[in-house]
């Protein structure tokens, strides 16, 4: 009965009309008076913004140290003082260097007087005196030369003990071509330490060969100093590996640091002794050369060549004076540029070694910002990009222009997130900026111009397909599928297909 009833034509037509109406309703999604905000699809630029926080640093900052060891004599400026370039901001006790300068000045005066005498001629008693001076100079050079081998042996002993005894616990396979650091691997510092251990081993053997040959010449002693510095550099590198002692227990860390300090001290002493011996030999040889020339000039007639020789001796004396003045200058630290003393690591009366940091010095004319950019944002930033900076000290209403000047290629993990150290240069420096201030940085990148955009809130998703509600002229709405492109910050999104410029879409009211 029911089947036969459905077969009737009138029933067919009614069912089809009802089904079509239902399908049309869901396909068009028409309704009137849909609650929500109506907006118009417009074209505009799509940009991406990266927000990061960093710290202001002085663009020019240096750790200052003396070129030689000594006792600190003066620190004339307090921390925070601003000084001009070239100002003496620290000095060592330098009585010896001052005496050397005075002596060199006297030598210059003597040689200039000798030149004047040559021009006047030489008396017999003066000749005998100059012969005696030459014999004295020969004995002095011989005495200096006799000490060279002993000092060379001391350099070898200090280098050998440092590399083969003090550095022994730091490495495995230490006397092979592939020494390995025992407590750290895979880092640049570990590679540097292993490389320096290999170099230091070779340098010690070079010094040993020189001792065995018994060569007491100045070049051999100078080469020994160079080799000893290679060994010394090993312990500088090892010291860097001990800055973070998390992989070593406290006792071992203290022992290793003590070994580094002892080795560096012993090598510094040996190197200083060898350098003093080189200077002694050179001075003795120079003195012998001087008196020999003086004697020759005294015996010879005052020919043009003799006069020129005396003039050259004067020039040599003046060169020694400049050398003495240079040695004196090493007892001073001068401001490398106009700036500010940010901190001190020593006090008056303390003994410092060569290369040990004495103070930190900051420039006050340029500043940078260092920030750690997460890996999710680093691809959005490139060197040369411009940025806007606000400082917590000034608030959000005052901005500084900045530019990306460096992005480190290696990542640093911070709280489980890979970040990349990025440096920005502040392009409008004011006197109110200080190192250490917190900076808030915004980097904007233009992705596309003339893109069709609508609010993100106008888009809904069903089954992985995105839709919007188009508002039609008759007051109804139509549910329309859309293809989406780039996001324009967190508020707008690009529409690639489904909506045209000028179309109005509905942002449904929040439920």
Foldseek 3Di string as FASTA:
>chain_A
DVVVVCPDPVNVVVVVVVVVVVVVCVQFVWDFPFDFDKDFWFWWFFKDKDKFKWFKAFPDKDFDFFQFWAFWADQPDDFFDWDFFFAFRTFGDQPVLVVLLVVLVVLLVVLVVLLVVLVVAADPVVLVVLVVLLVVLVVLLVVLLVCQLVLLVLLLVLLCCLLVPLCVQQWDVLLDPFIFGDQDDDDPLRVVLRVLSNLLNVLSVLSVVCSVVVDSDLVNLVSSLVSLVSSLVSLVSVVVVLPDVPRDDPVVSVSSVVSSVVSNVSSSVSSVVSVVSSVSNVVSVLSSVLSVLSSVSNPDHSDVVNSVVSVVNSVVSVVSSVVSVVVNCSRTDTRNRTWGWNFADDDRRDIDGRPPGGTMTGHQPWMKIKTWAFPVCPVVDDFFFKKWKDFPVHDDVDIFIKGWHDWDPAWDADPNTTTIITMITGDDDDNPDDGGTMMMMMTMGTDDGRFTKDWPLQWDDDPNWIWGWWQDPVNITGIWTWDWDAARYNTMTGTDDTDDGGIMTGRRDDD
